[in-house]
Amino acid sequence: MKKIILLIISSVIVFTACNKLDIAEGTPNCVKHKINGLNKNDCNTGVNVMEYTFQGETVYVLNPGNCTPDGMSEVIDSHCKSLGSLWGFAGNKIINGEDFTNATYIRTVWVK
């Protein structure tokens, strides 16, 4: 009986570990939720989330990769409030009235 219980526990641990996303430590829960959504899409090329400092706060760029026909990436704050979208067909790089090239890259939070 103990062997069966050990086998069940081991199986649960292995299957749970396989489904865990490699998300950087300290990432806000709402951003993790957004990452789970990005992970569920069918795209595998260029899907990632990057962290920056912009206008004195931490922001995240959600890059859906080749899943969006216009190539736009959403910029959100640490509470998941949308600040706008970057790039796309129009090549937008203005967020909150400022050029996003002024942002400071911090780290890659997640890559699919």
Protein backbone atom coordinates (compact mmCIF):
# COMPACT_ATOMS: atom_id res chain seq x y z
CA MET A 1 0.00 0.00 0.00
CA LYS A 2 2.86 2.40 0.84
CA LYS A 3 4.38 1.77 -2.60
CA ILE A 4 1.12 2.71 -4.31
CA ILE A 5 0.85 5.92 -2.30
CA LEU A 6 4.48 6.79 -3.10
CA LEU A 7 3.86 6.12 -6.78
CA ILE A 8 0.80 8.39 -6.80
CA ILE A 9 2.64 11.19 -4.99
CA SER A 10 5.63 10.89 -7.33
CA SER A 11 3.36 11.03 -10.38
CA VAL A 12 1.61 14.16 -9.11
CA ILE A 13 4.96 15.88 -8.49
CA VAL A 14 6.31 14.97 -11.95
CA PHE A 15 3.17 16.08 -13.81
CA THR A 16 2.88 19.29 -11.79
CA ALA A 17 6.52 20.18 -12.46
CA CYS A 18 6.05 19.70 -16.20
CA ASN A 19 3.21 22.25 -16.31
CA LYS A 20 4.96 24.94 -14.25
CA LEU A 21 5.99 28.01 -16.23
CA ASP A 22 9.45 29.46 -15.74
CA ILE A 23 8.43 32.97 -14.63
CA ALA A 24 10.99 35.26 -12.99
CA GLU A 25 10.79 35.57 -9.23
CA GLY A 26 9.06 38.70 -7.94
CA THR A 27 6.71 39.01 -10.92
CA PRO A 28 3.32 40.43 -9.83
CA ASN A 29 0.45 37.94 -9.78
CA CYS A 30 -1.58 39.82 -12.36
CA VAL A 31 1.39 39.69 -14.78
CA LYS A 32 1.68 35.95 -14.12
CA HIS A 33 -1.99 35.65 -15.07
CA LYS A 34 -1.29 37.49 -18.34
CA ILE A 35 1.65 35.14 -18.98
CA ASN A 36 -0.62 32.13 -18.50
CA GLY A 37 -2.86 33.59 -21.21
CA LEU A 38 0.08 34.14 -23.58
CA ASN A 39 1.25 30.59 -22.92
CA LYS A 40 -2.10 29.16 -24.01
CA ASN A 41 -1.95 30.64 -27.51
CA ASP A 42 -0.67 28.60 -30.44
CA CYS A 43 2.27 30.89 -31.20
CA ASN A 44 5.75 29.78 -30.31
CA THR A 45 7.95 32.37 -32.02
CA GLY A 46 8.86 35.56 -30.17
CA VAL A 47 6.36 35.21 -27.32
CA ASN A 48 7.83 36.84 -24.21
CA VAL A 49 7.37 39.33 -21.39
CA MET A 50 10.05 41.94 -20.66
CA GLU A 51 10.37 44.17 -17.60
CA TYR A 52 11.43 47.82 -17.87
CA THR A 53 11.60 50.97 -15.78
CA PHE A 54 9.65 53.72 -17.50
CA GLN A 55 8.50 57.07 -16.16
CA GLY A 56 9.66 56.07 -12.68
CA GLU A 57 7.75 52.80 -12.44
CA THR A 58 8.12 49.16 -13.35
CA VAL A 59 6.30 48.23 -16.55
CA TYR A 60 5.96 45.05 -18.57
CA VAL A 61 5.89 44.59 -22.34
CA LEU A 62 3.72 41.64 -23.39
CA ASN A 63 4.95 40.43 -26.76
CA PRO A 64 2.50 37.93 -28.30
CA GLY A 65 5.03 36.99 -30.99
CA ASN A 66 3.67 35.97 -34.36
CA CYS A 67 0.12 35.65 -32.99
CA THR A 68 -0.98 39.17 -33.83
CA PRO A 69 -1.18 40.25 -37.45
CA ASP A 70 -0.16 43.82 -36.60
CA GLY A 71 2.77 42.86 -34.32
CA MET A 72 1.68 45.11 -31.45
CA SER A 73 2.91 44.54 -27.90
CA GLU A 74 0.91 45.77 -24.92
CA VAL A 75 2.63 47.78 -22.17
CA ILE A 76 1.17 47.34 -18.67
CA ASP A 77 2.08 48.57 -15.21
CA SER A 78 2.64 46.30 -12.21
CA HIS A 79 -1.12 46.32 -11.53
CA CYS A 80 -1.84 45.23 -15.13
CA LYS A 81 -3.30 48.58 -16.13
CA SER A 82 -2.74 48.99 -19.86
CA LEU A 83 -0.56 51.98 -20.72
CA GLY A 84 -0.78 51.49 -24.48
CA SER A 85 0.69 49.45 -27.31
CA LEU A 86 4.07 49.51 -29.03
CA TRP A 87 5.25 48.89 -32.56
CA GLY A 88 2.74 47.30 -34.94
CA PHE A 89 2.12 48.48 -38.49
CA ALA A 90 2.25 52.13 -37.43
CA GLY A 91 5.53 51.64 -35.57
CA ASN A 92 4.22 53.33 -32.41
CA LYS A 93 6.81 53.92 -29.73
CA ILE A 94 4.99 56.55 -27.62
CA ILE A 95 3.54 55.54 -24.24
CA ASN A 96 2.02 58.15 -21.90
CA GLY A 97 3.33 60.90 -24.18
CA GLU A 98 6.95 59.71 -24.01
CA ASP A 99 9.14 57.74 -26.39
CA PHE A 100 9.48 54.21 -25.01
CA THR A 101 13.11 54.13 -26.16
CA ASN A 102 13.71 56.10 -22.93
CA ALA A 103 12.72 53.00 -20.94
CA THR A 104 15.45 51.05 -19.17
CA TYR A 105 15.45 47.29 -19.76
CA ILE A 106 15.54 45.34 -16.48
CA ARG A 107 15.07 41.68 -17.39
CA THR A 108 13.22 39.07 -19.35
CA VAL A 109 10.42 37.81 -17.11
CA TRP A 110 9.28 34.91 -19.29
CA VAL A 111 9.87 33.35 -22.71
CA LYS A 112 7.63 30.73 -24.27
